[in-house]
Amino acid sequence: TSRICNLHFSSDCFEQIGLCSTRLKPNSVPSIFPRAQNQNQRYVCNNLHRIYCML
């Protein structure tokens, strides 16, 4: 398993496994990239979740 920020993927990139687990679908590509409020700041993502990735 890996940890990945789910905010970078649209909801259709995930599938539910059981009650508590989520799987990133094969060939999913991150497509959402939030910007920092100030151009001199770097965006820091603290929304990491354990994702089960089937390759």
Protein backbone atom coordinates (compact mmCIF):
# COMPACT_ATOMS: atom_id res chain seq x y z
CA THR A 1 0.00 0.00 0.00
CA SER A 2 0.98 3.61 -0.47
CA ARG A 3 -0.12 6.96 0.85
CA ILE A 4 -1.39 9.48 -1.61
CA CYS A 5 -3.34 12.72 -1.47
CA ASN A 6 -6.82 11.97 -2.73
CA LEU A 7 -7.49 15.68 -3.39
CA HIS A 8 -5.45 15.40 -6.61
CA PHE A 9 -7.82 12.81 -8.11
CA SER A 10 -11.43 13.21 -9.18
CA SER A 11 -14.00 11.06 -7.38
CA ASP A 12 -14.48 8.82 -10.41
CA CYS A 13 -10.85 7.64 -10.05
CA PHE A 14 -11.72 5.65 -6.90
CA GLU A 15 -13.69 2.54 -6.13
CA GLN A 16 -14.99 1.50 -2.72
CA ILE A 17 -13.75 -1.79 -1.28
CA GLY A 18 -15.77 -3.00 1.67
CA LEU A 19 -16.82 -0.45 4.27
CA CYS A 20 -13.57 1.33 5.05
CA SER A 21 -11.18 0.96 2.14
CA THR A 22 -10.80 2.84 -1.11
CA ARG A 23 -8.87 1.74 -4.17
CA LEU A 24 -7.43 3.95 -6.86
CA LYS A 25 -8.59 2.58 -10.20
CA PRO A 26 -5.93 1.37 -12.66
CA ASN A 27 -4.54 4.07 -14.97
CA SER A 28 -5.88 6.90 -12.79
CA VAL A 29 -3.95 10.12 -13.28
CA PRO A 30 -3.85 13.05 -10.83
CA SER A 31 -5.57 16.00 -12.49
CA ILE A 32 -6.35 18.44 -9.68
CA PHE A 33 -3.53 20.70 -8.52
CA PRO A 34 -4.53 23.41 -6.02
CA ARG A 35 -2.41 26.52 -5.95
CA ALA A 36 -1.00 28.25 -2.91
CA GLN A 37 -2.71 31.51 -1.98
CA ASN A 38 0.50 33.45 -2.50
CA GLN A 39 2.78 32.80 -5.49
CA ASN A 40 5.81 32.72 -3.19
CA GLN A 41 4.31 29.97 -1.05
CA ARG A 42 4.41 26.30 -1.79
CA TYR A 43 1.22 24.27 -1.55
CA VAL A 44 1.52 21.65 1.18
CA CYS A 45 -0.89 18.77 1.14
CA ASN A 46 -1.78 17.25 4.49
CA ASN A 47 -4.64 15.11 3.26
CA LEU A 48 -2.86 11.76 2.88
CA HIS A 49 -4.86 8.55 2.86
CA ARG A 50 -3.84 4.95 2.51
CA ILE A 51 -4.75 3.85 -0.99
CA TYR A 52 -4.64 0.28 -2.26
CA CYS A 53 -3.29 0.52 -5.78
CA MET A 54 -3.63 -2.41 -8.12
CA LEU A 55 -0.95 -2.29 -10.80
